[in-house]
Amino acid sequence: MISLLDDIDVQQAFVAHLRRLRKQAKLSRDALAERSGVPASTIKKFELTGQISFRQLLFLWQSLDDLRRLYALTRHSPGEAGMPSSIDEVLKDDL
């Protein structure tokens, strides 16, 4: 399946989501830094560039959203169970 999304699109989606949640919670970057343990300068850099370590992203997510939602992205959905994993499986299914 072809996707028109790239890594920059996904980075910016994460930035927008967490910035929106921060503003909804009426938290300044400094307040979020205190809550999450991520330096305010790192939060600013993340909101401007999308650059952040994965661990710090998890700290921010945990402070603003439910980590279970992010974790759920790693679980197989029921529709994925039947997806072929090789060309041989595709050919066997007579697609």
PDB file of N, CA and C in Angstrom:
ATOM      1  N   MET A   1       0.846  -1.169   0.000  1.00  0.00           N
ATOM      2  CA  MET A   1       0.000   0.000   0.000  1.00  0.00           C
ATOM      3  C   MET A   1       0.900   1.244   0.000  1.00  0.00           C
ATOM      4  N   ILE A   2       0.605   2.165  -0.862  1.00  0.00           N
ATOM      5  CA  ILE A   2       1.378   3.398  -0.988  1.00  0.00           C
ATOM      6  C   ILE A   2       0.818   4.440  -0.027  1.00  0.00           C
ATOM      7  N   SER A   3       1.711   5.136   0.632  1.00  0.00           N
ATOM      8  CA  SER A   3       1.307   6.187   1.558  1.00  0.00           C
ATOM      9  C   SER A   3       1.924   7.499   1.113  1.00  0.00           C
ATOM     10  N   LEU A   4       1.144   8.548   1.188  1.00  0.00           N
ATOM     11  CA  LEU A   4       1.656   9.864   0.847  1.00  0.00           C
ATOM     12  C   LEU A   4       2.233  10.568   2.071  1.00  0.00           C
ATOM     13  N   LEU A   5       2.187   9.916   3.218  1.00  0.00           N
ATOM     14  CA  LEU A   5       2.769  10.473   4.437  1.00  0.00           C
ATOM     15  C   LEU A   5       4.262  10.227   4.455  1.00  0.00           C
ATOM     16  N   ASP A   6       4.992  11.159   5.003  1.00  0.00           N
ATOM     17  CA  ASP A   6       6.409  10.923   5.232  1.00  0.00           C
ATOM     18  C   ASP A   6       6.722  11.227   6.694  1.00  0.00           C
ATOM     19  N   ASP A   7       7.977  11.079   7.067  1.00  0.00           N
ATOM     20  CA  ASP A   7       8.358  11.253   8.463  1.00  0.00           C
ATOM     21  C   ASP A   7       8.081  12.668   8.962  1.00  0.00           C
ATOM     22  N   ILE A   8       8.230  13.659   8.108  1.00  0.00           N
ATOM     23  CA  ILE A   8       7.967  15.049   8.510  1.00  0.00           C
ATOM     24  C   ILE A   8       6.488  15.240   8.827  1.00  0.00           C
ATOM     25  N   ASP A   9       5.618  14.649   8.023  1.00  0.00           N
ATOM     26  CA  ASP A   9       4.176  14.741   8.288  1.00  0.00           C
ATOM     27  C   ASP A   9       3.833  14.160   9.656  1.00  0.00           C
ATOM     28  N   VAL A  10       4.423  13.024   9.968  1.00  0.00           N
ATOM     29  CA  VAL A  10       4.142  12.363  11.245  1.00  0.00           C
ATOM     30  C   VAL A  10       4.711  13.183  12.402  1.00  0.00           C
ATOM     31  N   GLN A  11       5.929  13.694  12.238  1.00  0.00           N
ATOM     32  CA  GLN A  11       6.524  14.547  13.273  1.00  0.00           C
ATOM     33  C   GLN A  11       5.615  15.736  13.556  1.00  0.00           C
ATOM     34  N   GLN A  12       5.169  16.395  12.508  1.00  0.00           N
ATOM     35  CA  GLN A  12       4.348  17.587  12.678  1.00  0.00           C
ATOM     36  C   GLN A  12       2.987  17.247  13.289  1.00  0.00           C
ATOM     37  N   ALA A  13       2.460  16.063  13.002  1.00  0.00           N
ATOM     38  CA  ALA A  13       1.201  15.638  13.616  1.00  0.00           C
ATOM     39  C   ALA A  13       1.380  15.446  15.125  1.00  0.00           C
ATOM     40  N   PHE A  14       2.512  14.850  15.525  1.00  0.00           N
ATOM     41  CA  PHE A  14       2.791  14.693  16.953  1.00  0.00           C
ATOM     42  C   PHE A  14       2.968  16.048  17.621  1.00  0.00           C
ATOM     43  N   VAL A  15       3.694  16.948  16.969  1.00  0.00           N
ATOM     44  CA  VAL A  15       3.885  18.302  17.501  1.00  0.00           C
ATOM     45  C   VAL A  15       2.532  18.978  17.696  1.00  0.00           C
ATOM     46  N   ALA A  16       1.711  18.958  16.670  1.00  0.00           N
ATOM     47  CA  ALA A  16       0.412  19.639  16.737  1.00  0.00           C
ATOM     48  C   ALA A  16      -0.468  19.047  17.832  1.00  0.00           C
ATOM     49  N   HIS A  17      -0.476  17.721  17.940  1.00  0.00           N
ATOM     50  CA  HIS A  17      -1.304  17.066  18.952  1.00  0.00           C
ATOM     51  C   HIS A  17      -0.875  17.466  20.361  1.00  0.00           C
ATOM     52  N   LEU A  18       0.428  17.366  20.631  1.00  0.00           N
ATOM     53  CA  LEU A  18       0.899  17.665  21.984  1.00  0.00           C
ATOM     54  C   LEU A  18       0.826  19.161  22.300  1.00  0.00           C
ATOM     55  N   ARG A  19       1.055  20.012  21.307  1.00  0.00           N
ATOM     56  CA  ARG A  19       0.927  21.454  21.546  1.00  0.00           C
ATOM     57  C   ARG A  19      -0.536  21.808  21.856  1.00  0.00           C
ATOM     58  N   ARG A  20      -1.452  21.196  21.099  1.00  0.00           N
ATOM     59  CA  ARG A  20      -2.880  21.442  21.333  1.00  0.00           C
ATOM     60  C   ARG A  20      -3.277  21.000  22.744  1.00  0.00           C
ATOM     61  N   LEU A  21      -2.806  19.838  23.167  1.00  0.00           N
ATOM     62  CA  LEU A  21      -3.119  19.353  24.517  1.00  0.00           C
ATOM     63  C   LEU A  21      -2.495  20.243  25.585  1.00  0.00           C
ATOM     64  N   ARG A  22      -1.274  20.720  25.329  1.00  0.00           N
ATOM     65  CA  ARG A  22      -0.616  21.618  26.291  1.00  0.00           C
ATOM     66  C   ARG A  22      -1.412  22.897  26.456  1.00  0.00           C
ATOM     67  N   LYS A  23      -1.874  23.445  25.340  1.00  0.00           N
ATOM     68  CA  LYS A  23      -2.637  24.694  25.400  1.00  0.00           C
ATOM     69  C   LYS A  23      -4.018  24.475  26.018  1.00  0.00           C
ATOM     70  N   GLN A  24      -4.643  23.330  25.716  1.00  0.00           N
ATOM     71  CA  GLN A  24      -5.942  23.018  26.330  1.00  0.00           C
ATOM     72  C   GLN A  24      -5.817  22.901  27.840  1.00  0.00           C
ATOM     73  N   ALA A  25      -4.691  22.376  28.290  1.00  0.00           N
ATOM     74  CA  ALA A  25      -4.446  22.235  29.730  1.00  0.00           C
ATOM     75  C   ALA A  25      -3.972  23.545  30.350  1.00  0.00           C
ATOM     76  N   LYS A  26      -3.837  24.574  29.490  1.00  0.00           N
ATOM     77  CA  LYS A  26      -3.375  25.900  29.935  1.00  0.00           C
ATOM     78  C   LYS A  26      -2.011  25.811  30.628  1.00  0.00           C
ATOM     79  N   LEU A  27      -1.134  25.023  30.029  1.00  0.00           N
ATOM     80  CA  LEU A  27       0.218  24.862  30.553  1.00  0.00           C
ATOM     81  C   LEU A  27       1.204  25.641  29.690  1.00  0.00           C
ATOM     82  N   SER A  28       2.057  26.387  30.322  1.00  0.00           N
ATOM     83  CA  SER A  28       3.172  27.009  29.614  1.00  0.00           C
ATOM     84  C   SER A  28       4.207  25.921  29.356  1.00  0.00           C
ATOM     85  N   ARG A  29       5.172  26.235  28.533  1.00  0.00           N
ATOM     86  CA  ARG A  29       6.268  25.273  28.329  1.00  0.00           C
ATOM     87  C   ARG A  29       6.995  25.010  29.633  1.00  0.00           C
ATOM     88  N   ASP A  30       7.164  26.057  30.443  1.00  0.00           N
ATOM     89  CA  ASP A  30       7.843  25.877  31.733  1.00  0.00           C
ATOM     90  C   ASP A  30       7.047  24.955  32.652  1.00  0.00           C
ATOM     91  N   ALA A  31       5.727  25.135  32.675  1.00  0.00           N
ATOM     92  CA  ALA A  31       4.889  24.287  33.529  1.00  0.00           C
ATOM     93  C   ALA A  31       4.915  22.837  33.047  1.00  0.00           C
ATOM     94  N   LEU A  32       4.882  22.650  31.721  1.00  0.00           N
ATOM     95  CA  LEU A  32       4.959  21.288  31.183  1.00  0.00           C
ATOM     96  C   LEU A  32       6.331  20.685  31.476  1.00  0.00           C
ATOM     97  N   ALA A  33       7.357  21.506  31.413  1.00  0.00           N
ATOM     98  CA  ALA A  33       8.704  21.020  31.724  1.00  0.00           C
ATOM     99  C   ALA A  33       8.763  20.506  33.156  1.00  0.00           C
ATOM    100  N   GLU A  34       8.181  21.248  34.060  1.00  0.00           N
ATOM    101  CA  GLU A  34       8.174  20.822  35.463  1.00  0.00           C
ATOM    102  C   GLU A  34       7.374  19.535  35.640  1.00  0.00           C
ATOM    103  N   ARG A  35       6.255  19.434  34.953  1.00  0.00           N
ATOM    104  CA  ARG A  35       5.393  18.259  35.071  1.00  0.00           C
ATOM    105  C   ARG A  35       6.033  17.022  34.448  1.00  0.00           C
ATOM    106  N   SER A  36       6.711  17.197  33.306  1.00  0.00           N
ATOM    107  CA  SER A  36       7.207  16.055  32.536  1.00  0.00           C
ATOM    108  C   SER A  36       8.664  15.695  32.800  1.00  0.00           C
ATOM    109  N   GLY A  37       9.431  16.655  33.292  1.00  0.00           N
ATOM    110  CA  GLY A  37      10.860  16.418  33.453  1.00  0.00           C
ATOM    111  C   GLY A  37      11.654  16.697  32.188  1.00  0.00           C
ATOM    112  N   VAL A  38      10.994  17.151  31.138  1.00  0.00           N
ATOM    113  CA  VAL A  38      11.654  17.515  29.885  1.00  0.00           C
ATOM    114  C   VAL A  38      11.950  19.009  29.944  1.00  0.00           C
ATOM    115  N   PRO A  39      13.185  19.423  29.700  1.00  0.00           N
ATOM    116  CA  PRO A  39      13.511  20.852  29.782  1.00  0.00           C
ATOM    117  C   PRO A  39      12.642  21.715  28.854  1.00  0.00           C
ATOM    118  N   ALA A  40      12.293  22.899  29.322  1.00  0.00           N
ATOM    119  CA  ALA A  40      11.465  23.816  28.531  1.00  0.00           C
ATOM    120  C   ALA A  40      12.120  24.126  27.185  1.00  0.00           C
ATOM    121  N   SER A  41      13.439  24.226  27.162  1.00  0.00           N
ATOM    122  CA  SER A  41      14.132  24.494  25.896  1.00  0.00           C
ATOM    123  C   SER A  41      13.946  23.343  24.906  1.00  0.00           C
ATOM    124  N   THR A  42      13.880  22.117  25.405  1.00  0.00           N
ATOM    125  CA  THR A  42      13.651  20.952  24.550  1.00  0.00           C
ATOM    126  C   THR A  42      12.217  20.959  24.030  1.00  0.00           C
ATOM    127  N   ILE A  43      11.281  21.340  24.888  1.00  0.00           N
ATOM    128  CA  ILE A  43       9.879  21.431  24.464  1.00  0.00           C
ATOM    129  C   ILE A  43       9.743  22.494  23.371  1.00  0.00           C
ATOM    130  N   LYS A  44      10.397  23.629  23.551  1.00  0.00           N
ATOM    131  CA  LYS A  44      10.355  24.684  22.530  1.00  0.00           C
ATOM    132  C   LYS A  44      10.935  24.173  21.211  1.00  0.00           C
ATOM    133  N   LYS A  45      12.093  23.523  21.285  1.00  0.00           N
ATOM    134  CA  LYS A  45      12.722  22.978  20.073  1.00  0.00           C
ATOM    135  C   LYS A  45      11.801  21.974  19.406  1.00  0.00           C
ATOM    136  N   PHE A  46      11.161  21.116  20.193  1.00  0.00           N
ATOM    137  CA  PHE A  46      10.229  20.128  19.651  1.00  0.00           C
ATOM    138  C   PHE A  46       9.067  20.814  18.951  1.00  0.00           C
ATOM    139  N   GLU A  47       8.489  21.820  19.577  1.00  0.00           N
ATOM    140  CA  GLU A  47       7.337  22.497  18.981  1.00  0.00           C
ATOM    141  C   GLU A  47       7.714  23.287  17.728  1.00  0.00           C
ATOM    142  N   LEU A  48       8.968  23.681  17.616  1.00  0.00           N
ATOM    143  CA  LEU A  48       9.405  24.443  16.434  1.00  0.00           C
ATOM    144  C   LEU A  48       9.945  23.557  15.314  1.00  0.00           C
ATOM    145  N   THR A  49      10.592  22.454  15.682  1.00  0.00           N
ATOM    146  CA  THR A  49      11.269  21.640  14.665  1.00  0.00           C
ATOM    147  C   THR A  49      10.776  20.200  14.570  1.00  0.00           C
ATOM    148  N   GLY A  50      10.095  19.724  15.606  1.00  0.00           N
ATOM    149  CA  GLY A  50       9.687  18.319  15.642  1.00  0.00           C
ATOM    150  C   GLY A  50      10.773  17.396  16.157  1.00  0.00           C
ATOM    151  N   GLN A  51      11.939  17.932  16.485  1.00  0.00           N
ATOM    152  CA  GLN A  51      13.067  17.127  16.942  1.00  0.00           C
ATOM    153  C   GLN A  51      13.012  16.924  18.454  1.00  0.00           C
ATOM    154  N   ILE A  52      13.080  15.641  18.859  1.00  0.00           N
ATOM    155  CA  ILE A  52      13.080  15.289  20.281  1.00  0.00           C
ATOM    156  C   ILE A  52      13.477  13.827  20.393  1.00  0.00           C
ATOM    157  N   SER A  53      14.038  13.454  21.519  1.00  0.00           N
ATOM    158  CA  SER A  53      14.357  12.034  21.702  1.00  0.00           C
ATOM    159  C   SER A  53      13.051  11.271  21.934  1.00  0.00           C
ATOM    160  N   PHE A  54      13.090   9.996  21.623  1.00  0.00           N
ATOM    161  CA  PHE A  54      11.888   9.189  21.810  1.00  0.00           C
ATOM    162  C   PHE A  54      11.483   9.151  23.276  1.00  0.00           C
ATOM    163  N   ARG A  55      12.456   9.024  24.150  1.00  0.00           N
ATOM    164  CA  ARG A  55      12.159   8.972  25.592  1.00  0.00           C
ATOM    165  C   ARG A  55      11.477  10.258  26.058  1.00  0.00           C
ATOM    166  N   GLN A  56      11.986  11.401  25.600  1.00  0.00           N
ATOM    167  CA  GLN A  56      11.379  12.671  25.980  1.00  0.00           C
ATOM    168  C   GLN A  56       9.986  12.822  25.378  1.00  0.00           C
ATOM    169  N   LEU A  57       9.796  12.315  24.170  1.00  0.00           N
ATOM    170  CA  LEU A  57       8.458  12.323  23.577  1.00  0.00           C
ATOM    171  C   LEU A  57       7.491  11.538  24.459  1.00  0.00           C
ATOM    172  N   LEU A  58       7.936  10.388  24.951  1.00  0.00           N
ATOM    173  CA  LEU A  58       7.085   9.590  25.831  1.00  0.00           C
ATOM    174  C   LEU A  58       6.770  10.325  27.133  1.00  0.00           C
ATOM    175  N   PHE A  59       7.749  11.030  27.691  1.00  0.00           N
ATOM    176  CA  PHE A  59       7.500  11.813  28.909  1.00  0.00           C
ATOM    177  C   PHE A  59       6.446  12.893  28.650  1.00  0.00           C
ATOM    178  N   LEU A  60       6.573  13.582  27.520  1.00  0.00           N
ATOM    179  CA  LEU A  60       5.577  14.614  27.191  1.00  0.00           C
ATOM    180  C   LEU A  60       4.207  13.991  26.986  1.00  0.00           C
ATOM    181  N   TRP A  61       4.179  12.891  26.226  1.00  0.00           N
ATOM    182  CA  TRP A  61       2.891  12.225  25.953  1.00  0.00           C
ATOM    183  C   TRP A  61       2.242  11.792  27.264  1.00  0.00           C
ATOM    184  N   GLN A  62       3.027  11.218  28.150  1.00  0.00           N
ATOM    185  CA  GLN A  62       2.515  10.746  29.430  1.00  0.00           C
ATOM    186  C   GLN A  62       1.958  11.905  30.256  1.00  0.00           C
ATOM    187  N   SER A  63       2.542  13.070  30.120  1.00  0.00           N
ATOM    188  CA  SER A  63       2.098  14.239  30.877  1.00  0.00           C
ATOM    189  C   SER A  63       0.846  14.878  30.293  1.00  0.00           C
ATOM    190  N   LEU A  64       0.595  14.639  29.013  1.00  0.00           N
ATOM    191  CA  LEU A  64      -0.517  15.322  28.338  1.00  0.00           C
ATOM    192  C   LEU A  64      -1.607  14.391  27.836  1.00  0.00           C
ATOM    193  N   ASP A  65      -1.308  13.123  27.670  1.00  0.00           N
ATOM    194  CA  ASP A  65      -2.257  12.182  27.077  1.00  0.00           C
ATOM    195  C   ASP A  65      -2.083  10.841  27.778  1.00  0.00           C
ATOM    196  N   ASP A  66      -2.809   9.861  27.344  1.00  0.00           N
ATOM    197  CA  ASP A  66      -2.751   8.525  27.933  1.00  0.00           C
ATOM    198  C   ASP A  66      -1.758   7.673  27.150  1.00  0.00           C
ATOM    199  N   LEU A  67      -0.708   7.214  27.809  1.00  0.00           N
ATOM    200  CA  LEU A  67       0.297   6.387  27.136  1.00  0.00           C
ATOM    201  C   LEU A  67      -0.294   5.115  26.537  1.00  0.00           C
ATOM    202  N   ARG A  68      -1.405   4.649  27.092  1.00  0.00           N
ATOM    203  CA  ARG A  68      -2.023   3.436  26.546  1.00  0.00           C
ATOM    204  C   ARG A  68      -2.468   3.654  25.104  1.00  0.00           C
ATOM    205  N   ARG A  69      -2.860   4.883  24.771  1.00  0.00           N
ATOM    206  CA  ARG A  69      -3.271   5.176  23.382  1.00  0.00           C
ATOM    207  C   ARG A  69      -2.085   5.055  22.435  1.00  0.00           C
ATOM    208  N   LEU A  70      -0.944   5.525  22.855  1.00  0.00           N
ATOM    209  CA  LEU A  70       0.255   5.420  22.034  1.00  0.00           C
ATOM    210  C   LEU A  70       0.708   3.967  21.958  1.00  0.00           C
ATOM    211  N   TYR A  71       0.665   3.286  23.069  1.00  0.00           N
ATOM    212  CA  TYR A  71       1.044   1.873  23.115  1.00  0.00           C
ATOM    213  C   TYR A  71       0.146   1.036  22.206  1.00  0.00           C
ATOM    214  N   ALA A  72      -1.115   1.384  22.138  1.00  0.00           N
ATOM    215  CA  ALA A  72      -2.069   0.632  21.317  1.00  0.00           C
ATOM    216  C   ALA A  72      -1.672   0.631  19.841  1.00  0.00           C
ATOM    217  N   LEU A  73      -0.933   1.624  19.405  1.00  0.00           N
ATOM    218  CA  LEU A  73      -0.498   1.667  18.011  1.00  0.00           C
ATOM    219  C   LEU A  73       0.445   0.518  17.674  1.00  0.00           C
ATOM    220  N   THR A  74       1.060  -0.062  18.681  1.00  0.00           N
ATOM    221  CA  THR A  74       2.001  -1.150  18.452  1.00  0.00           C
ATOM    222  C   THR A  74       1.321  -2.513  18.441  1.00  0.00           C
ATOM    223  N   ARG A  75       0.083  -2.583  18.828  1.00  0.00           N
ATOM    224  CA  ARG A  75      -0.654  -3.846  18.882  1.00  0.00           C
ATOM    225  C   ARG A  75      -1.254  -4.128  17.514  1.00  0.00           C
ATOM    226  N   HIS A  76      -1.346  -5.375  17.156  1.00  0.00           N
ATOM    227  CA  HIS A  76      -1.946  -5.752  15.883  1.00  0.00           C
ATOM    228  C   HIS A  76      -3.448  -5.567  15.942  1.00  0.00           C
ATOM    229  N   SER A  77      -3.979  -4.941  14.925  1.00  0.00           N
ATOM    230  CA  SER A  77      -5.430  -4.817  14.853  1.00  0.00           C
ATOM    231  C   SER A  77      -5.979  -6.085  14.209  1.00  0.00           C
ATOM    232  N   PRO A  78      -7.267  -6.390  14.454  1.00  0.00           N
ATOM    233  CA  PRO A  78      -7.846  -7.620  13.899  1.00  0.00           C
ATOM    234  C   PRO A  78      -7.713  -7.713  12.381  1.00  0.00           C
ATOM    235  N   GLY A  79      -7.776  -6.600  11.682  1.00  0.00           N
ATOM    236  CA  GLY A  79      -7.680  -6.616  10.225  1.00  0.00           C
ATOM    237  C   GLY A  79      -6.293  -6.955   9.715  1.00  0.00           C
ATOM    238  N   GLU A  80      -5.263  -6.786  10.519  1.00  0.00           N
ATOM    239  CA  GLU A  80      -3.900  -7.038  10.082  1.00  0.00           C
ATOM    240  C   GLU A  80      -3.538  -8.519  10.133  1.00  0.00           C
ATOM    241  N   ALA A  81      -4.296  -9.305  10.871  1.00  0.00           N
ATOM    242  CA  ALA A  81      -3.938 -10.709  11.058  1.00  0.00           C
ATOM    243  C   ALA A  81      -3.870 -11.451   9.738  1.00  0.00           C
ATOM    244  N   GLY A  82      -4.720 -11.104   8.779  1.00  0.00           N
ATOM    245  CA  GLY A  82      -4.756 -11.817   7.510  1.00  0.00           C
ATOM    246  C   GLY A  82      -3.877 -11.220   6.436  1.00  0.00           C
ATOM    247  N   MET A  83      -3.074 -10.225   6.753  1.00  0.00           N
ATOM    248  CA  MET A  83      -2.221  -9.596   5.755  1.00  0.00           C
ATOM    249  C   MET A  83      -1.086 -10.540   5.381  1.00  0.00           C
ATOM    250  N   PRO A  84      -0.832 -10.690   4.090  1.00  0.00           N
ATOM    251  CA  PRO A  84       0.275 -11.558   3.683  1.00  0.00           C
ATOM    252  C   PRO A  84       1.615 -10.968   4.105  1.00  0.00           C
ATOM    253  N   SER A  85       2.560 -11.838   4.417  1.00  0.00           N
ATOM    254  CA  SER A  85       3.876 -11.373   4.830  1.00  0.00           C
ATOM    255  C   SER A  85       4.943 -11.664   3.774  1.00  0.00           C
ATOM    256  N   SER A  86       4.547 -12.312   2.690  1.00  0.00           N
ATOM    257  CA  SER A  86       5.506 -12.600   1.616  1.00  0.00           C
ATOM    258  C   SER A  86       4.760 -12.654   0.289  1.00  0.00           C
ATOM    259  N   ILE A  87       5.512 -12.596  -0.798  1.00  0.00           N
ATOM    260  CA  ILE A  87       4.911 -12.696  -2.135  1.00  0.00           C
ATOM    261  C   ILE A  87       4.303 -14.084  -2.342  1.00  0.00           C
ATOM    262  N   ASP A  88       4.902 -15.101  -1.717  1.00  0.00           N
ATOM    263  CA  ASP A  88       4.353 -16.460  -1.829  1.00  0.00           C
ATOM    264  C   ASP A  88       2.948 -16.532  -1.247  1.00  0.00           C
ATOM    265  N   GLU A  89       2.729 -15.857  -0.118  1.00  0.00           N
ATOM    266  CA  GLU A  89       1.394 -15.846   0.487  1.00  0.00           C
ATOM    267  C   GLU A  89       0.396 -15.123  -0.410  1.00  0.00           C
ATOM    268  N   VAL A  90       0.823 -14.079  -1.063  1.00  0.00           N
ATOM    269  CA  VAL A  90      -0.061 -13.365  -1.994  1.00  0.00           C
ATOM    270  C   VAL A  90      -0.439 -14.257  -3.148  1.00  0.00           C
ATOM    271  N   LEU A  91       0.532 -14.953  -3.729  1.00  0.00           N
ATOM    272  CA  LEU A  91       0.272 -15.835  -4.863  1.00  0.00           C
ATOM    273  C   LEU A  91      -0.612 -17.008  -4.480  1.00  0.00           C
ATOM    274  N   LYS A  92      -0.468 -17.531  -3.268  1.00  0.00           N
ATOM    275  CA  LYS A  92      -1.300 -18.646  -2.794  1.00  0.00           C
ATOM    276  C   LYS A  92      -2.755 -18.237  -2.651  1.00  0.00           C
ATOM    277  N   ASP A  93      -2.994 -16.961  -2.320  1.00  0.00           N
ATOM    278  CA  ASP A  93      -4.362 -16.494  -2.117  1.00  0.00           C
ATOM    279  C   ASP A  93      -5.069 -16.153  -3.406  1.00  0.00           C
ATOM    280  N   ASP A  94      -4.415 -16.316  -4.539  1.00  0.00           N
ATOM    281  CA  ASP A  94      -5.005 -16.044  -5.856  1.00  0.00           C
ATOM    282  C   ASP A  94      -5.614 -14.663  -5.953  1.00  0.00           C
ATOM    283  N   LEU A  95      -4.872 -13.674  -5.458  1.00  0.00           N
ATOM    284  CA  LEU A  95      -5.343 -12.296  -5.542  1.00  0.00           C
ATOM    285  C   LEU A  95      -5.127 -11.847  -6.938  1.00  0.00           C
TER     286      LEU A  95
END
